[in-house]
């Protein structure tokens, strides 16, 4: 393979476009976009177009990818001939040769500035080429100053990435991979070509290829590349180091390149590759860059294997920390930070990420707040971060090396939301299907509650409660029947609003809702898209958790503990989320996040104060 950057004015040779490709089809919009990009380029600033993929066949380049762009550039230069001079390359579509009285594609392009653009076209390619040239002509509108400046930019500052594949590669396979589904060459493929492209050693470096490397280094780099790519296809490892979906990176090594170059989200597709091109113009940088990449990978693998750092760094990455910043911190040759210091720094960063403060104004200090002040409606992201840490640290502190927090499941199961463990407000439900599902779910829960009362708890109070459950279930049946009856003329909303508080009252066991929106009633769940379930009482969600667990769905350990009453120190009522349960839940958080003592007897406080149940 050969890869280099070529200024448009220096492209020369004969190009042919084989029959497996479609003809010229660029529309006005695509041509306009290219013209405007170059026209708006500040004078003297370089601009690199997307790659051109070619194969040299006996002195003629088969143009595998980039034919639409190369044809359009030819048409632009043809119109600017007074400013450009002679064009150094030709293009021929092999299915459009001059024969049987028809003008061929090569002749058409060479004579496009002399023919009648409104004349009848003999084929679809001729029609599109004429339309393209006419659009270019109208776009410039005879503005000589604009044309001259455009020609200078195009000839001196605009380039393409020239990607020349080996002669024994199958052109059709390459074309199919690049173009079916509009799959372009990735940054990773192009950067790999930079690392592995061959160059002929001369007195002044690598002749003909400024990016070439010593041939003896190529097998070594290729093997290291393959080993790292294979390692990155371990989804657990991938989810430990990034929040990016793997689908975004067909070649996963590209993540390392984006990390190294700190690629902004809004940059163009080839931002990373273009940055590497600049790096490699100094030959020594190529080897230093590769060594850095290998060190990055080795460092990440070391963290991944370390039980504590896996959980701690995994949490930081999951909550938005820069993995590049952590790598630089650990690998900075100037500071040579010790591993023990690095571990303390990681813990300190975790502590800062869940530090609950109110920012002071100018000249004022930040105010340390009580975690009881956390409110679902105002601090949802913060509470979610705190609960994630609670889940991660619960597993880490247990110390079972065979059990790790599954970042892969956490990041890929769905959109995690902060859910009320017990919801007492169903007013946000708006439609017949939501009302019907909510009623059906809660009827099932009421019947389970009745069943638990029947066998061994026969007394007058239970009798009354069971009768009340039967009465409410009957009313639920009536509302559901009305929902299913298309001819019902009454207000379903009013019927639901009448029955739902009766259901909630039974399944809340008389508990008030004063702590409804505090952290003592919050857990991480993936039921957020189901409005009926999100607005359900504790027992309905408990049955849902059991169902999810049976199906093998991932449930965070602390969420499962909540609904299985793991934290309750004595036998609280199974079907209800009581005040006692909430207090025990808060105690469990404090034990993990504030009162934790490590194996050496050191206190590790990850939060800035004990979480209190209710405001002090």
Foldseek 3Di string as FASTA:
>chain_A
DAKDKDQQQPDAFEEEEEPVDDAADDDLVVLVVVLVVLLPDPPPAAAEDEAWEWEQDPRYTYGLPDPNVVLLVLLLCVVLCVQSPDRRYFYFYVVFPDDPNAHGPRRCSVCVVPDDLPDDHPDDNSVNSSVSSVSSCVVCVPVVVSSNSSNCSRRPRYIYIYHYDYNPDDSSVVSCCCPVVNNHDALVNLVLCLLQPAFDQDPVGGPPHLSHDDNVCNVVLVVLLVVLQVVCVPLQLVLLQALDDCVVPPRVLVVLLCLVVVDDPPDDRNPSNVVVSVQPNPVVSSVVVSVVSSVLSVVSVVLCLDLVSSLLSSLCNVLPDRSSVLSCVCPVPVVVDDPVRSVVVSLVVLLVLLQDWAPDDVPDHIGRDFLQPDFCVPQFVSLVSLQSNLLQLVVSQVPPSVDHDRSSQVSPVADKGKFFLFAQDLPVDDDLVLLLVLLVLLLVLLVVVLVVCPDPPDDDVNVVSNVLSVVLNVLSVVLNVLSVDPPRDDDSVVSSVVNSNSSSCSLQVNADCPCRGHSLRIHIDRCVVNSSQRNHGNQSVLVVVVVCVVVVRDDRPLSPCLLCVVQQPDDDPNRHCHPSSSQSSLVSSCVRAAQDAHPVRHGRHSYPDRHDDHDD
